Amino acid sequence: MDINKLINIARSVPKEKLKTDAGLREVIRDISRQAGKNLSSREIDMYTETFRKMSRTESVGSLMNKLSKKGVKDSDLDKIKKRFKK
């Protein structure tokens, strides 16, 4: 999936939905469908827990560093930074 499409999907998520587990599950389910994936309830619960954990312990810088280590190109990381600064 194109990095710009992912950024647009992330920006379209209402912040209110990220405050509750039910809302977060709905967001994860919708995004997975947009990506052509059909997740089980267990997988959605796992991603929900992972998101909650990361939201408490990670910063933007540490997440960008992890993306870099996972092989995301520097040009894509720059695009992400620019898009979120707007």
Protein backbone atom coordinates (compact mmCIF):
# COMPACT_ATOMS: atom_id res chain seq x y z
CA MET A 1 0.00 0.00 0.00
CA ASP A 2 1.24 3.48 -0.88
CA ILE A 3 2.60 5.55 2.03
CA ASN A 4 0.42 8.52 1.03
CA LYS A 5 -2.69 6.34 1.15
CA LEU A 6 -1.72 5.14 4.64
CA ILE A 7 -1.22 8.72 5.81
CA ASN A 8 -4.60 9.76 4.43
CA ILE A 9 -6.26 6.84 6.19
CA ALA A 10 -4.55 7.75 9.47
CA ARG A 11 -5.59 11.38 9.15
CA SER A 12 -9.22 10.42 8.46
CA VAL A 13 -9.60 8.57 11.76
CA PRO A 14 -11.61 10.64 14.26
CA LYS A 15 -9.52 11.10 17.41
CA GLU A 16 -12.56 10.36 19.57
CA LYS A 17 -12.55 6.76 18.30
CA LEU A 18 -9.02 6.25 19.62
CA LYS A 19 -10.09 6.99 23.19
CA THR A 20 -12.10 3.80 23.74
CA ASP A 21 -11.31 0.16 23.04
CA ALA A 22 -14.58 -0.24 21.12
CA GLY A 23 -13.76 2.73 18.90
CA LEU A 24 -10.22 1.51 18.37
CA ARG A 25 -11.47 -1.95 17.40
CA GLU A 26 -13.79 -0.34 14.86
CA VAL A 27 -10.93 1.70 13.39
CA ILE A 28 -8.66 -1.35 13.13
CA ARG A 29 -11.43 -3.38 11.49
CA ASP A 30 -12.14 -0.60 8.95
CA ILE A 31 -8.47 -0.06 8.10
CA SER A 32 -7.87 -3.78 7.66
CA ARG A 33 -10.82 -3.99 5.26
CA GLN A 34 -9.46 -1.05 3.28
CA ALA A 35 -6.17 -2.93 3.04
CA GLY A 36 -7.98 -6.06 1.82
CA LYS A 37 -7.53 -8.04 5.04
CA ASN A 38 -10.19 -9.77 7.11
CA LEU A 39 -9.03 -9.94 10.73
CA SER A 40 -10.46 -12.25 13.36
CA SER A 41 -11.74 -10.88 16.66
CA ARG A 42 -8.64 -12.23 18.37
CA GLU A 43 -6.34 -10.42 15.92
CA ILE A 44 -8.28 -7.19 16.39
CA ASP A 45 -7.96 -7.55 20.17
CA MET A 46 -4.21 -8.14 19.79
CA TYR A 47 -3.78 -5.02 17.64
CA THR A 48 -5.92 -3.00 20.06
CA GLU A 49 -3.72 -4.02 22.99
CA THR A 50 -0.56 -3.29 20.99
CA PHE A 51 -1.86 0.17 20.09
CA ARG A 52 -2.76 0.94 23.71
CA LYS A 53 0.67 -0.19 24.90
CA MET A 54 2.47 1.86 22.25
CA SER A 55 0.37 4.95 22.95
CA ARG A 56 1.54 4.85 26.57
CA THR A 57 5.21 4.08 25.98
CA GLU A 58 6.26 5.40 22.55
CA SER A 59 7.02 8.85 21.18
CA VAL A 60 6.89 10.05 17.58
CA GLY A 61 10.68 9.90 17.38
CA SER A 62 10.89 6.33 18.63
CA LEU A 63 8.19 5.22 16.19
CA MET A 64 9.98 6.86 13.27
CA ASN A 65 13.18 5.13 14.38
CA LYS A 66 11.39 1.76 14.45
CA LEU A 67 9.99 2.35 10.96
CA SER A 68 13.50 3.12 9.76
CA LYS A 69 14.83 -0.09 11.29
CA LYS A 70 12.01 -2.06 9.63
CA GLY A 71 13.22 -0.90 6.23
CA VAL A 72 11.01 2.10 5.47
CA LYS A 73 12.92 4.35 3.08
CA ASP A 74 14.20 7.73 4.28
CA SER A 75 12.23 9.44 1.52
CA ASP A 76 9.00 7.84 2.84
CA LEU A 77 9.88 8.87 6.40
CA ASP A 78 10.39 12.44 5.18
CA LYS A 79 6.97 12.33 3.49
CA ILE A 80 5.39 11.17 6.73
CA LYS A 81 7.05 13.98 8.69
CA LYS A 82 6.00 16.62 6.15
CA ARG A 83 2.39 15.39 5.94
CA PHE A 84 1.89 15.43 9.70
CA LYS A 85 3.43 18.88 10.13
CA LYS A 86 0.76 20.44 7.87
